[in-house]
């Protein structure tokens, strides 16, 4: 029987700065891909646009024109031996 070992990195937080609304929409489009793929294709861009607009309504752009997004990343690496 083979044994597997699992290594886990602790979550790290980072602030991601995206250029204006277009950058934020692009970040949502790629980062949220597993979720947005569940939407009908004809509704995806409208959903992303609405989400970006609502986010920017609550969290305004920085002085540099960036949309600041705090995120947490959890990395898990499995090694099969």
PDB file of N, CA and C in Angstrom:
ATOM      1  N   UNK A   1       0.837  -1.168   0.000  1.00  0.00           N
ATOM      2  CA  UNK A   1       0.000   0.000   0.000  1.00  0.00           C
ATOM      3  C   UNK A   1       0.893   1.247   0.000  1.00  0.00           C
ATOM      4  N   UNK A   2       0.560   2.186  -0.882  1.00  0.00           N
ATOM      5  CA  UNK A   2       1.328   3.415  -0.957  1.00  0.00           C
ATOM      6  C   UNK A   2       0.835   4.404   0.084  1.00  0.00           C
ATOM      7  N   UNK A   3       1.770   5.169   0.620  1.00  0.00           N
ATOM      8  CA  UNK A   3       1.402   6.188   1.593  1.00  0.00           C
ATOM      9  C   UNK A   3       1.458   7.552   0.933  1.00  0.00           C
ATOM     10  N   UNK A   4       0.552   8.409   1.307  1.00  0.00           N
ATOM     11  CA  UNK A   4       0.557   9.784   0.816  1.00  0.00           C
ATOM     12  C   UNK A   4       0.858  10.711   1.973  1.00  0.00           C
ATOM     13  N   UNK A   5       1.502  11.778   1.672  1.00  0.00           N
ATOM     14  CA  UNK A   5       1.789  12.787   2.680  1.00  0.00           C
ATOM     15  C   UNK A   5       1.222  14.111   2.184  1.00  0.00           C
ATOM     16  N   UNK A   6       0.642  14.862   3.078  1.00  0.00           N
ATOM     17  CA  UNK A   6       0.026  16.126   2.709  1.00  0.00           C
ATOM     18  C   UNK A   6       0.733  17.244   3.451  1.00  0.00           C
ATOM     19  N   UNK A   7       1.226  18.195   2.705  1.00  0.00           N
ATOM     20  CA  UNK A   7       1.832  19.381   3.294  1.00  0.00           C
ATOM     21  C   UNK A   7       0.890  20.538   3.084  1.00  0.00           C
ATOM     22  N   UNK A   8       0.718  21.351   4.099  1.00  0.00           N
ATOM     23  CA  UNK A   8      -0.210  22.465   3.992  1.00  0.00           C
ATOM     24  C   UNK A   8       0.523  23.744   4.337  1.00  0.00           C
ATOM     25  N   UNK A   9       0.361  24.760   3.491  1.00  0.00           N
ATOM     26  CA  UNK A   9       0.905  26.072   3.797  1.00  0.00           C
ATOM     27  C   UNK A   9      -0.198  26.880   4.465  1.00  0.00           C
ATOM     28  N   UNK A  10       0.177  27.651   5.431  1.00  0.00           N
ATOM     29  CA  UNK A  10      -0.813  28.491   6.096  1.00  0.00           C
ATOM     30  C   UNK A  10      -1.298  29.569   5.143  1.00  0.00           C
ATOM     31  N   UNK A  11      -2.551  29.994   5.316  1.00  0.00           N
ATOM     32  CA  UNK A  11      -3.068  31.022   4.417  1.00  0.00           C
ATOM     33  C   UNK A  11      -2.285  32.317   4.551  1.00  0.00           C
ATOM     34  N   UNK A  12      -2.115  32.975   3.440  1.00  0.00           N
ATOM     35  CA  UNK A  12      -1.480  34.281   3.456  1.00  0.00           C
ATOM     36  C   UNK A  12      -2.458  35.277   2.846  1.00  0.00           C
ATOM     37  N   UNK A  13      -2.435  36.477   3.356  1.00  0.00           N
ATOM     38  CA  UNK A  13      -3.321  37.490   2.817  1.00  0.00           C
ATOM     39  C   UNK A  13      -2.496  38.475   2.000  1.00  0.00           C
ATOM     40  N   UNK A  14      -3.124  39.013   0.997  1.00  0.00           N
ATOM     41  CA  UNK A  14      -2.470  39.991   0.141  1.00  0.00           C
ATOM     42  C   UNK A  14      -3.509  40.950  -0.387  1.00  0.00           C
ATOM     43  N   UNK A  15      -3.068  42.132  -0.698  1.00  0.00           N
ATOM     44  CA  UNK A  15      -3.952  43.072  -1.371  1.00  0.00           C
ATOM     45  C   UNK A  15      -3.541  43.103  -2.831  1.00  0.00           C
ATOM     46  N   UNK A  16      -4.497  42.910  -3.668  1.00  0.00           N
ATOM     47  CA  UNK A  16      -4.256  42.903  -5.105  1.00  0.00           C
ATOM     48  C   UNK A  16      -4.799  44.211  -5.652  1.00  0.00           C
ATOM     49  N   UNK A  17      -4.014  44.914  -6.438  1.00  0.00           N
ATOM     50  CA  UNK A  17      -4.466  46.174  -7.035  1.00  0.00           C
ATOM     51  C   UNK A  17      -4.692  45.999  -8.523  1.00  0.00           C
ATOM     52  N   UNK A  18      -5.917  46.207  -8.955  1.00  0.00           N
ATOM     53  CA  UNK A  18      -6.260  46.067 -10.366  1.00  0.00           C
ATOM     54  C   UNK A  18      -6.527  47.445 -10.964  1.00  0.00           C
ATOM     55  N   UNK A  19      -6.085  47.642 -12.195  1.00  0.00           N
ATOM     56  CA  UNK A  19      -6.280  48.934 -12.856  1.00  0.00           C
ATOM     57  C   UNK A  19      -7.743  49.171 -13.193  1.00  0.00           C
ATOM     58  N   UNK A  20      -8.313  50.116 -12.503  1.00  0.00           N
ATOM     59  CA  UNK A  20      -9.675  50.600 -12.754  1.00  0.00           C
ATOM     60  C   UNK A  20     -10.693  49.462 -12.875  1.00  0.00           C
ATOM     61  N   UNK A  21     -11.832  49.775 -13.412  1.00  0.00           N
ATOM     62  CA  UNK A  21     -12.899  48.778 -13.508  1.00  0.00           C
ATOM     63  C   UNK A  21     -12.533  47.644 -14.476  1.00  0.00           C
ATOM     64  N   UNK A  22     -11.885  47.980 -15.574  1.00  0.00           N
ATOM     65  CA  UNK A  22     -11.524  46.947 -16.560  1.00  0.00           C
ATOM     66  C   UNK A  22     -10.574  45.920 -15.953  1.00  0.00           C
ATOM     67  N   UNK A  23      -9.614  46.370 -15.165  1.00  0.00           N
ATOM     68  CA  UNK A  23      -8.688  45.453 -14.509  1.00  0.00           C
ATOM     69  C   UNK A  23      -9.379  44.582 -13.484  1.00  0.00           C
ATOM     70  N   UNK A  24     -10.294  45.189 -12.722  1.00  0.00           N
ATOM     71  CA  UNK A  24     -11.059  44.437 -11.734  1.00  0.00           C
ATOM     72  C   UNK A  24     -11.913  43.372 -12.417  1.00  0.00           C
ATOM     73  N   UNK A  25     -12.569  43.748 -13.508  1.00  0.00           N
ATOM     74  CA  UNK A  25     -13.399  42.786 -14.248  1.00  0.00           C
ATOM     75  C   UNK A  25     -12.542  41.640 -14.783  1.00  0.00           C
ATOM     76  N   UNK A  26     -11.349  41.941 -15.269  1.00  0.00           N
ATOM     77  CA  UNK A  26     -10.443  40.895 -15.753  1.00  0.00           C
ATOM     78  C   UNK A  26     -10.008  39.964 -14.637  1.00  0.00           C
ATOM     79  N   UNK A  27      -9.753  40.534 -13.451  1.00  0.00           N
ATOM     80  CA  UNK A  27      -9.372  39.724 -12.293  1.00  0.00           C
ATOM     81  C   UNK A  27     -10.517  38.802 -11.888  1.00  0.00           C
ATOM     82  N   UNK A  28     -11.737  39.344 -11.868  1.00  0.00           N
ATOM     83  CA  UNK A  28     -12.915  38.524 -11.551  1.00  0.00           C
ATOM     84  C   UNK A  28     -13.067  37.417 -12.594  1.00  0.00           C
ATOM     85  N   UNK A  29     -12.901  37.779 -13.853  1.00  0.00           N
ATOM     86  CA  UNK A  29     -13.072  36.821 -14.957  1.00  0.00           C
ATOM     87  C   UNK A  29     -12.140  35.619 -14.798  1.00  0.00           C
ATOM     88  N   UNK A  30     -10.898  35.841 -14.374  1.00  0.00           N
ATOM     89  CA  UNK A  30      -9.946  34.734 -14.259  1.00  0.00           C
ATOM     90  C   UNK A  30      -9.994  34.049 -12.895  1.00  0.00           C
ATOM     91  N   UNK A  31     -10.021  34.841 -11.831  1.00  0.00           N
ATOM     92  CA  UNK A  31      -9.986  34.273 -10.485  1.00  0.00           C
ATOM     93  C   UNK A  31     -11.263  33.525 -10.146  1.00  0.00           C
ATOM     94  N   UNK A  32     -12.364  34.024 -10.613  1.00  0.00           N
ATOM     95  CA  UNK A  32     -13.661  33.409 -10.326  1.00  0.00           C
ATOM     96  C   UNK A  32     -14.092  32.427 -11.403  1.00  0.00           C
ATOM     97  N   UNK A  33     -13.202  32.051 -12.307  1.00  0.00           N
ATOM     98  CA  UNK A  33     -13.559  31.185 -13.434  1.00  0.00           C
ATOM     99  C   UNK A  33     -14.305  29.918 -13.019  1.00  0.00           C
ATOM    100  N   UNK A  34     -13.865  29.192 -11.989  1.00  0.00           N
ATOM    101  CA  UNK A  34     -14.627  27.988 -11.624  1.00  0.00           C
ATOM    102  C   UNK A  34     -16.083  28.291 -11.260  1.00  0.00           C
ATOM    103  N   UNK A  35     -16.326  29.484 -10.740  1.00  0.00           N
ATOM    104  CA  UNK A  35     -17.694  29.861 -10.380  1.00  0.00           C
ATOM    105  C   UNK A  35     -18.477  30.403 -11.572  1.00  0.00           C
ATOM    106  N   UNK A  36     -17.838  31.268 -12.367  1.00  0.00           N
ATOM    107  CA  UNK A  36     -18.566  31.870 -13.484  1.00  0.00           C
ATOM    108  C   UNK A  36     -18.850  30.876 -14.604  1.00  0.00           C
ATOM    109  N   UNK A  37     -18.076  29.796 -14.684  1.00  0.00           N
ATOM    110  CA  UNK A  37     -18.355  28.783 -15.700  1.00  0.00           C
ATOM    111  C   UNK A  37     -19.712  28.116 -15.490  1.00  0.00           C
ATOM    112  N   UNK A  38     -20.230  28.209 -14.285  1.00  0.00           N
ATOM    113  CA  UNK A  38     -21.537  27.614 -13.992  1.00  0.00           C
ATOM    114  C   UNK A  38     -22.691  28.463 -14.516  1.00  0.00           C
ATOM    115  N   UNK A  39     -22.395  29.711 -14.862  1.00  0.00           N
ATOM    116  CA  UNK A  39     -23.428  30.588 -15.423  1.00  0.00           C
ATOM    117  C   UNK A  39     -23.576  30.325 -16.915  1.00  0.00           C
ATOM    118  N   UNK A  40     -24.765  30.551 -17.460  1.00  0.00           N
ATOM    119  CA  UNK A  40     -24.893  30.461 -18.920  1.00  0.00           C
ATOM    120  C   UNK A  40     -23.951  31.478 -19.571  1.00  0.00           C
ATOM    121  N   UNK A  41     -23.293  31.085 -20.625  1.00  0.00           N
ATOM    122  CA  UNK A  41     -22.281  31.919 -21.274  1.00  0.00           C
ATOM    123  C   UNK A  41     -22.798  33.319 -21.601  1.00  0.00           C
ATOM    124  N   UNK A  42     -24.052  33.407 -22.038  1.00  0.00           N
ATOM    125  CA  UNK A  42     -24.587  34.718 -22.425  1.00  0.00           C
ATOM    126  C   UNK A  42     -24.807  35.650 -21.229  1.00  0.00           C
ATOM    127  N   UNK A  43     -24.732  35.129 -20.001  1.00  0.00           N
ATOM    128  CA  UNK A  43     -24.923  35.964 -18.807  1.00  0.00           C
ATOM    129  C   UNK A  43     -23.622  36.276 -18.072  1.00  0.00           C
ATOM    130  N   UNK A  44     -22.521  35.630 -18.445  1.00  0.00           N
ATOM    131  CA  UNK A  44     -21.262  35.786 -17.697  1.00  0.00           C
ATOM    132  C   UNK A  44     -20.740  37.208 -17.676  1.00  0.00           C
ATOM    133  N   UNK A  45     -20.631  37.843 -18.835  1.00  0.00           N
ATOM    134  CA  UNK A  45     -20.077  39.201 -18.885  1.00  0.00           C
ATOM    135  C   UNK A  45     -20.961  40.194 -18.136  1.00  0.00           C
ATOM    136  N   UNK A  46     -22.264  40.019 -18.228  1.00  0.00           N
ATOM    137  CA  UNK A  46     -23.172  40.899 -17.498  1.00  0.00           C
ATOM    138  C   UNK A  46     -22.989  40.718 -15.991  1.00  0.00           C
ATOM    139  N   UNK A  47     -22.830  39.480 -15.549  1.00  0.00           N
ATOM    140  CA  UNK A  47     -22.603  39.201 -14.135  1.00  0.00           C
ATOM    141  C   UNK A  47     -21.301  39.844 -13.660  1.00  0.00           C
ATOM    142  N   UNK A  48     -20.225  39.668 -14.426  1.00  0.00           N
ATOM    143  CA  UNK A  48     -18.915  40.220 -14.064  1.00  0.00           C
ATOM    144  C   UNK A  48     -18.979  41.742 -14.025  1.00  0.00           C
ATOM    145  N   UNK A  49     -19.633  42.353 -15.000  1.00  0.00           N
ATOM    146  CA  UNK A  49     -19.775  43.810 -15.044  1.00  0.00           C
ATOM    147  C   UNK A  49     -20.563  44.324 -13.840  1.00  0.00           C
ATOM    148  N   UNK A  50     -21.656  43.652 -13.518  1.00  0.00           N
ATOM    149  CA  UNK A  50     -22.475  44.041 -12.368  1.00  0.00           C
ATOM    150  C   UNK A  50     -21.687  43.888 -11.070  1.00  0.00           C
ATOM    151  N   UNK A  51     -20.965  42.798 -10.932  1.00  0.00           N
ATOM    152  CA  UNK A  51     -20.168  42.557  -9.736  1.00  0.00           C
ATOM    153  C   UNK A  51     -19.087  43.629  -9.579  1.00  0.00           C
ATOM    154  N   UNK A  52     -18.390  43.960 -10.660  1.00  0.00           N
ATOM    155  CA  UNK A  52     -17.348  44.993 -10.614  1.00  0.00           C
ATOM    156  C   UNK A  52     -17.950  46.342 -10.244  1.00  0.00           C
ATOM    157  N   UNK A  53     -19.089  46.686 -10.829  1.00  0.00           N
ATOM    158  CA  UNK A  53     -19.755  47.955 -10.502  1.00  0.00           C
ATOM    159  C   UNK A  53     -20.147  48.021  -9.033  1.00  0.00           C
ATOM    160  N   UNK A  54     -20.728  46.957  -8.524  1.00  0.00           N
ATOM    161  CA  UNK A  54     -21.152  46.947  -7.116  1.00  0.00           C
ATOM    162  C   UNK A  54     -19.960  47.007  -6.179  1.00  0.00           C
ATOM    163  N   UNK A  55     -18.901  46.306  -6.522  1.00  0.00           N
ATOM    164  CA  UNK A  55     -17.700  46.341  -5.687  1.00  0.00           C
ATOM    165  C   UNK A  55     -17.139  47.762  -5.623  1.00  0.00           C
ATOM    166  N   UNK A  56     -17.052  48.408  -6.794  1.00  0.00           N
ATOM    167  CA  UNK A  56     -16.492  49.752  -6.839  1.00  0.00           C
ATOM    168  C   UNK A  56     -17.412  50.788  -6.199  1.00  0.00           C
ATOM    169  N   UNK A  57     -18.673  50.492  -6.112  1.00  0.00           N
ATOM    170  CA  UNK A  57     -19.599  51.384  -5.411  1.00  0.00           C
ATOM    171  C   UNK A  57     -19.281  51.380  -3.916  1.00  0.00           C
ATOM    172  N   UNK A  58     -18.893  50.225  -3.401  1.00  0.00           N
ATOM    173  CA  UNK A  58     -18.569  50.078  -1.979  1.00  0.00           C
ATOM    174  C   UNK A  58     -17.109  50.419  -1.675  1.00  0.00           C
ATOM    175  N   UNK A  59     -16.222  50.034  -2.559  1.00  0.00           N
ATOM    176  CA  UNK A  59     -14.777  50.208  -2.359  1.00  0.00           C
ATOM    177  C   UNK A  59     -14.236  51.058  -3.505  1.00  0.00           C
ATOM    178  N   UNK A  60     -14.083  52.338  -3.279  1.00  0.00           N
ATOM    179  CA  UNK A  60     -13.657  53.221  -4.364  1.00  0.00           C
ATOM    180  C   UNK A  60     -12.206  52.959  -4.766  1.00  0.00           C
ATOM    181  N   UNK A  61     -11.846  53.443  -5.917  1.00  0.00           N
ATOM    182  CA  UNK A  61     -10.490  53.289  -6.428  1.00  0.00           C
ATOM    183  C   UNK A  61      -9.500  54.053  -5.551  1.00  0.00           C
ATOM    184  N   UNK A  62      -8.266  53.581  -5.525  1.00  0.00           N
ATOM    185  CA  UNK A  62      -7.216  54.302  -4.805  1.00  0.00           C
ATOM    186  C   UNK A  62      -6.842  55.561  -5.588  1.00  0.00           C
ATOM    187  N   UNK A  63      -5.974  56.382  -5.016  1.00  0.00           N
ATOM    188  CA  UNK A  63      -5.510  57.598  -5.713  1.00  0.00           C
ATOM    189  C   UNK A  63      -4.812  57.262  -7.021  1.00  0.00           C
ATOM    190  N   UNK A  64      -4.221  56.075  -7.063  1.00  0.00           N
ATOM    191  CA  UNK A  64      -3.508  55.643  -8.279  1.00  0.00           C
ATOM    192  C   UNK A  64      -4.442  55.019  -9.312  1.00  0.00           C
ATOM    193  N   UNK A  65      -5.737  54.966  -9.012  1.00  0.00           N
ATOM    194  CA  UNK A  65      -6.704  54.391  -9.943  1.00  0.00           C
ATOM    195  C   UNK A  65      -6.787  52.883  -9.883  1.00  0.00           C
ATOM    196  N   UNK A  66      -6.414  52.307  -8.746  1.00  0.00           N
ATOM    197  CA  UNK A  66      -6.434  50.849  -8.588  1.00  0.00           C
ATOM    198  C   UNK A  66      -7.639  50.424  -7.759  1.00  0.00           C
ATOM    199  N   UNK A  67      -8.182  49.273  -8.108  1.00  0.00           N
ATOM    200  CA  UNK A  67      -9.225  48.633  -7.310  1.00  0.00           C
ATOM    201  C   UNK A  67      -8.509  47.676  -6.374  1.00  0.00           C
ATOM    202  N   UNK A  68      -8.581  47.945  -5.087  1.00  0.00           N
ATOM    203  CA  UNK A  68      -7.863  47.140  -4.100  1.00  0.00           C
ATOM    204  C   UNK A  68      -8.746  45.987  -3.639  1.00  0.00           C
ATOM    205  N   UNK A  69      -8.223  44.778  -3.744  1.00  0.00           N
ATOM    206  CA  UNK A  69      -8.958  43.579  -3.357  1.00  0.00           C
ATOM    207  C   UNK A  69      -8.105  42.789  -2.378  1.00  0.00           C
ATOM    208  N   UNK A  70      -8.619  42.599  -1.169  1.00  0.00           N
ATOM    209  CA  UNK A  70      -7.908  41.763  -0.194  1.00  0.00           C
ATOM    210  C   UNK A  70      -8.322  40.322  -0.455  1.00  0.00           C
ATOM    211  N   UNK A  71      -7.347  39.454  -0.510  1.00  0.00           N
ATOM    212  CA  UNK A  71      -7.671  38.062  -0.769  1.00  0.00           C
ATOM    213  C   UNK A  71      -6.806  37.162   0.107  1.00  0.00           C
ATOM    214  N   UNK A  72      -7.270  35.946   0.282  1.00  0.00           N
ATOM    215  CA  UNK A  72      -6.524  34.952   1.045  1.00  0.00           C
ATOM    216  C   UNK A  72      -6.252  33.768   0.139  1.00  0.00           C
ATOM    217  N   UNK A  73      -5.035  33.304   0.181  1.00  0.00           N
ATOM    218  CA  UNK A  73      -4.657  32.163  -0.641  1.00  0.00           C
ATOM    219  C   UNK A  73      -4.243  31.019   0.268  1.00  0.00           C
ATOM    220  N   UNK A  74      -4.798  29.872   0.035  1.00  0.00           N
ATOM    221  CA  UNK A  74      -4.433  28.674   0.779  1.00  0.00           C
ATOM    222  C   UNK A  74      -3.852  27.688  -0.226  1.00  0.00           C
ATOM    223  N   UNK A  75      -2.606  27.329  -0.027  1.00  0.00           N
ATOM    224  CA  UNK A  75      -1.963  26.387  -0.932  1.00  0.00           C
ATOM    225  C   UNK A  75      -1.822  25.045  -0.238  1.00  0.00           C
ATOM    226  N   UNK A  76      -2.192  24.004  -0.936  1.00  0.00           N
ATOM    227  CA  UNK A  76      -2.060  22.656  -0.416  1.00  0.00           C
ATOM    228  C   UNK A  76      -1.313  21.846  -1.459  1.00  0.00           C
ATOM    229  N   UNK A  77      -0.309  21.142  -1.014  1.00  0.00           N
ATOM    230  CA  UNK A  77       0.486  20.320  -1.904  1.00  0.00           C
ATOM    231  C   UNK A  77       0.465  18.883  -1.400  1.00  0.00           C
ATOM    232  N   UNK A  78       0.024  17.972  -2.237  1.00  0.00           N
ATOM    233  CA  UNK A  78      -0.018  16.553  -1.866  1.00  0.00           C
ATOM    234  C   UNK A  78       1.136  15.840  -2.559  1.00  0.00           C
ATOM    235  N   UNK A  79       1.809  15.021  -1.814  1.00  0.00           N
ATOM    236  CA  UNK A  79       2.930  14.251  -2.360  1.00  0.00           C
ATOM    237  C   UNK A  79       2.637  12.780  -2.150  1.00  0.00           C
ATOM    238  N   UNK A  80       2.581  12.025  -3.220  1.00  0.00           N
ATOM    239  CA  UNK A  80       2.324  10.599  -3.128  1.00  0.00           C
ATOM    240  C   UNK A  80       3.662   9.869  -3.171  1.00  0.00           C
ATOM    241  N   UNK A  81       3.869   9.041  -2.181  1.00  0.00           N
ATOM    242  CA  UNK A  81       5.127   8.289  -2.119  1.00  0.00           C
ATOM    243  C   UNK A  81       4.887   6.822  -2.272  1.00  0.00           C
TER     244      UNK A  81
END
